């Protein structure tokens, strides 16, 4: 389901950002941990 996929993405993003130290707290999400190839559509 979409919720399960989103939850998996967030869990992996948190894990990938865990080693980054910025400010205080538990660390940031790494939103770009699983990039998707950009789809370019031709102009009409």
PDB file of N, CA and C in Angstrom:
ATOM      1  N   UNK A   1       0.835  -1.191   0.000  1.00  0.00           N
ATOM      2  CA  UNK A   1       0.000   0.000   0.000  1.00  0.00           C
ATOM      3  C   UNK A   1       0.875   1.248   0.000  1.00  0.00           C
ATOM      4  N   UNK A   2       0.271   2.373  -0.292  1.00  0.00           N
ATOM      5  CA  UNK A   2       1.002   3.641  -0.326  1.00  0.00           C
ATOM      6  C   UNK A   2       1.545   4.006   1.048  1.00  0.00           C
ATOM      7  N   UNK A   3       0.782   3.725   2.087  1.00  0.00           N
ATOM      8  CA  UNK A   3       1.229   4.056   3.447  1.00  0.00           C
ATOM      9  C   UNK A   3       2.456   3.229   3.818  1.00  0.00           C
ATOM     10  N   UNK A   4       2.445   1.955   3.489  1.00  0.00           N
ATOM     11  CA  UNK A   4       3.589   1.093   3.790  1.00  0.00           C
ATOM     12  C   UNK A   4       4.829   1.552   3.023  1.00  0.00           C
ATOM     13  N   UNK A   5       4.660   1.937   1.761  1.00  0.00           N
ATOM     14  CA  UNK A   5       5.785   2.425   0.964  1.00  0.00           C
ATOM     15  C   UNK A   5       6.332   3.723   1.541  1.00  0.00           C
ATOM     16  N   UNK A   6       5.455   4.628   1.934  1.00  0.00           N
ATOM     17  CA  UNK A   6       5.887   5.901   2.522  1.00  0.00           C
ATOM     18  C   UNK A   6       6.608   5.667   3.840  1.00  0.00           C
ATOM     19  N   UNK A   7       6.080   4.775   4.643  1.00  0.00           N
ATOM     20  CA  UNK A   7       6.715   4.476   5.936  1.00  0.00           C
ATOM     21  C   UNK A   7       8.115   3.893   5.720  1.00  0.00           C
ATOM     22  N   UNK A   8       8.247   2.998   4.760  1.00  0.00           N
ATOM     23  CA  UNK A   8       9.554   2.431   4.448  1.00  0.00           C
ATOM     24  C   UNK A   8      10.530   3.489   3.966  1.00  0.00           C
ATOM     25  N   UNK A   9      10.049   4.405   3.119  1.00  0.00           N
ATOM     26  CA  UNK A   9      10.902   5.487   2.620  1.00  0.00           C
ATOM     27  C   UNK A   9      11.393   6.357   3.769  1.00  0.00           C
ATOM     28  N   UNK A  10      10.487   6.756   4.662  1.00  0.00           N
ATOM     29  CA  UNK A  10      10.852   7.618   5.789  1.00  0.00           C
ATOM     30  C   UNK A  10      11.828   6.910   6.719  1.00  0.00           C
ATOM     31  N   UNK A  11      11.592   5.637   6.994  1.00  0.00           N
ATOM     32  CA  UNK A  11      12.501   4.877   7.866  1.00  0.00           C
ATOM     33  C   UNK A  11      13.906   4.832   7.268  1.00  0.00           C
ATOM     34  N   UNK A  12      14.012   4.600   5.959  1.00  0.00           N
ATOM     35  CA  UNK A  12      15.319   4.556   5.305  1.00  0.00           C
ATOM     36  C   UNK A  12      15.960   5.939   5.255  1.00  0.00           C
ATOM     37  N   UNK A  13      15.161   6.974   5.036  1.00  0.00           N
ATOM     38  CA  UNK A  13      15.694   8.340   5.007  1.00  0.00           C
ATOM     39  C   UNK A  13      16.243   8.732   6.373  1.00  0.00           C
ATOM     40  N   UNK A  14      15.559   8.342   7.441  1.00  0.00           N
ATOM     41  CA  UNK A  14      16.049   8.622   8.795  1.00  0.00           C
ATOM     42  C   UNK A  14      17.360   7.880   9.032  1.00  0.00           C
ATOM     43  N   UNK A  15      17.418   6.621   8.638  1.00  0.00           N
ATOM     44  CA  UNK A  15      18.632   5.828   8.830  1.00  0.00           C
ATOM     45  C   UNK A  15      19.809   6.421   8.058  1.00  0.00           C
ATOM     46  N   UNK A  16      19.574   6.881   6.830  1.00  0.00           N
ATOM     47  CA  UNK A  16      20.641   7.449   6.015  1.00  0.00           C
ATOM     48  C   UNK A  16      21.121   8.796   6.552  1.00  0.00           C
ATOM     49  N   UNK A  17      20.257   9.542   7.226  1.00  0.00           N
ATOM     50  CA  UNK A  17      20.638  10.840   7.774  1.00  0.00           C
ATOM     51  C   UNK A  17      21.143  10.769   9.202  1.00  0.00           C
ATOM     52  N   UNK A  18      21.171   9.579   9.792  1.00  0.00           N
ATOM     53  CA  UNK A  18      21.527   9.428  11.208  1.00  0.00           C
ATOM     54  C   UNK A  18      22.955   9.868  11.517  1.00  0.00           C
ATOM     55  N   UNK A  19      23.871   9.722  10.587  1.00  0.00           N
ATOM     56  CA  UNK A  19      25.272  10.060  10.844  1.00  0.00           C
ATOM     57  C   UNK A  19      25.572  11.546  10.644  1.00  0.00           C
ATOM     58  N   UNK A  20      24.635  12.317  10.144  1.00  0.00           N
ATOM     59  CA  UNK A  20      24.845  13.740   9.879  1.00  0.00           C
ATOM     60  C   UNK A  20      24.576  14.534  11.153  1.00  0.00           C
ATOM     61  N   UNK A  21      25.532  15.371  11.529  1.00  0.00           N
ATOM     62  CA  UNK A  21      25.403  16.172  12.742  1.00  0.00           C
ATOM     63  C   UNK A  21      25.136  17.630  12.375  1.00  0.00           C
ATOM     64  N   UNK A  22      23.925  18.102  12.608  1.00  0.00           N
ATOM     65  CA  UNK A  22      23.576  19.501  12.395  1.00  0.00           C
ATOM     66  C   UNK A  22      22.739  19.963  13.568  1.00  0.00           C
ATOM     67  N   UNK A  23      23.220  20.914  14.308  1.00  0.00           N
ATOM     68  CA  UNK A  23      22.452  21.441  15.438  1.00  0.00           C
ATOM     69  C   UNK A  23      22.242  20.407  16.521  1.00  0.00           C
ATOM     70  N   UNK A  24      21.043  20.411  17.101  1.00  0.00           N
ATOM     71  CA  UNK A  24      20.720  19.498  18.191  1.00  0.00           C
ATOM     72  C   UNK A  24      19.586  18.583  17.761  1.00  0.00           C
ATOM     73  N   UNK A  25      19.464  17.478  18.416  1.00  0.00           N
ATOM     74  CA  UNK A  25      18.384  16.547  18.094  1.00  0.00           C
ATOM     75  C   UNK A  25      18.924  15.248  17.528  1.00  0.00           C
ATOM     76  N   UNK A  26      18.068  14.537  16.855  1.00  0.00           N
ATOM     77  CA  UNK A  26      18.418  13.200  16.378  1.00  0.00           C
ATOM     78  C   UNK A  26      19.038  13.188  14.991  1.00  0.00           C
ATOM     79  N   UNK A  27      19.065  14.289  14.299  1.00  0.00           N
ATOM     80  CA  UNK A  27      19.644  14.339  12.957  1.00  0.00           C
ATOM     81  C   UNK A  27      18.573  14.493  11.897  1.00  0.00           C
ATOM     82  N   UNK A  28      18.978  14.925  10.713  1.00  0.00           N
ATOM     83  CA  UNK A  28      18.025  15.198   9.641  1.00  0.00           C
ATOM     84  C   UNK A  28      17.670  13.955   8.834  1.00  0.00           C
ATOM     85  N   UNK A  29      16.625  14.085   8.042  1.00  0.00           N
ATOM     86  CA  UNK A  29      16.304  13.077   7.038  1.00  0.00           C
ATOM     87  C   UNK A  29      17.231  13.289   5.852  1.00  0.00           C
ATOM     88  N   UNK A  30      17.609  12.239   5.190  1.00  0.00           N
ATOM     89  CA  UNK A  30      18.334  12.349   3.931  1.00  0.00           C
ATOM     90  C   UNK A  30      17.314  12.094   2.831  1.00  0.00           C
ATOM     91  N   UNK A  31      16.664  13.159   2.355  1.00  0.00           N
ATOM     92  CA  UNK A  31      15.580  13.028   1.377  1.00  0.00           C
ATOM     93  C   UNK A  31      16.052  12.445   0.051  1.00  0.00           C
ATOM     94  N   UNK A  32      17.333  12.593  -0.241  1.00  0.00           N
ATOM     95  CA  UNK A  32      17.834  12.116  -1.524  1.00  0.00           C
ATOM     96  C   UNK A  32      18.519  10.762  -1.457  1.00  0.00           C
ATOM     97  N   UNK A  33      18.213   9.951  -0.470  1.00  0.00           N
ATOM     98  CA  UNK A  33      18.920   8.682  -0.314  1.00  0.00           C
ATOM     99  C   UNK A  33      18.610   7.693  -1.429  1.00  0.00           C
ATOM    100  N   UNK A  34      17.467   7.813  -2.057  1.00  0.00           N
ATOM    101  CA  UNK A  34      17.082   6.885  -3.130  1.00  0.00           C
ATOM    102  C   UNK A  34      16.567   7.678  -4.324  1.00  0.00           C
ATOM    103  N   UNK A  35      17.488   8.330  -5.050  1.00  0.00           N
ATOM    104  CA  UNK A  35      17.032   9.178  -6.158  1.00  0.00           C
ATOM    105  C   UNK A  35      16.382   8.365  -7.270  1.00  0.00           C
ATOM    106  N   UNK A  36      15.475   9.003  -7.949  1.00  0.00           N
ATOM    107  CA  UNK A  36      14.784   8.412  -9.091  1.00  0.00           C
ATOM    108  C   UNK A  36      15.238   9.173 -10.331  1.00  0.00           C
ATOM    109  N   UNK A  37      15.468   8.456 -11.405  1.00  0.00           N
ATOM    110  CA  UNK A  37      15.901   9.095 -12.643  1.00  0.00           C
ATOM    111  C   UNK A  37      14.850  10.113 -13.085  1.00  0.00           C
ATOM    112  N   UNK A  38      15.326  11.335 -13.430  1.00  0.00           N
ATOM    113  CA  UNK A  38      14.417  12.382 -13.863  1.00  0.00           C
ATOM    114  C   UNK A  38      13.817  12.026 -15.220  1.00  0.00           C
ATOM    115  N   UNK A  39      12.534  12.215 -15.344  1.00  0.00           N
ATOM    116  CA  UNK A  39      11.852  11.966 -16.607  1.00  0.00           C
ATOM    117  C   UNK A  39      11.672  13.299 -17.324  1.00  0.00           C
ATOM    118  N   UNK A  40      12.248  13.413 -18.512  1.00  0.00           N
ATOM    119  CA  UNK A  40      12.157  14.642 -19.297  1.00  0.00           C
ATOM    120  C   UNK A  40      11.135  14.418 -20.401  1.00  0.00           C
ATOM    121  N   UNK A  41      10.144  15.289 -20.439  1.00  0.00           N
ATOM    122  CA  UNK A  41       9.117  15.199 -21.474  1.00  0.00           C
ATOM    123  C   UNK A  41       9.358  16.304 -22.495  1.00  0.00           C
ATOM    124  N   UNK A  42       9.299  15.976 -23.779  1.00  0.00           N
ATOM    125  CA  UNK A  42       9.535  16.992 -24.807  1.00  0.00           C
ATOM    126  C   UNK A  42       8.434  18.049 -24.809  1.00  0.00           C
ATOM    127  N   UNK A  43       8.832  19.278 -25.149  1.00  0.00           N
ATOM    128  CA  UNK A  43       7.858  20.358 -25.281  1.00  0.00           C
ATOM    129  C   UNK A  43       7.091  20.177 -26.577  1.00  0.00           C
ATOM    130  N   UNK A  44       5.861  20.581 -26.565  1.00  0.00           N
ATOM    131  CA  UNK A  44       5.059  20.462 -27.793  1.00  0.00           C
ATOM    132  C   UNK A  44       5.190  21.692 -28.633  1.00  0.00           C
TER     133      UNK A  44
END
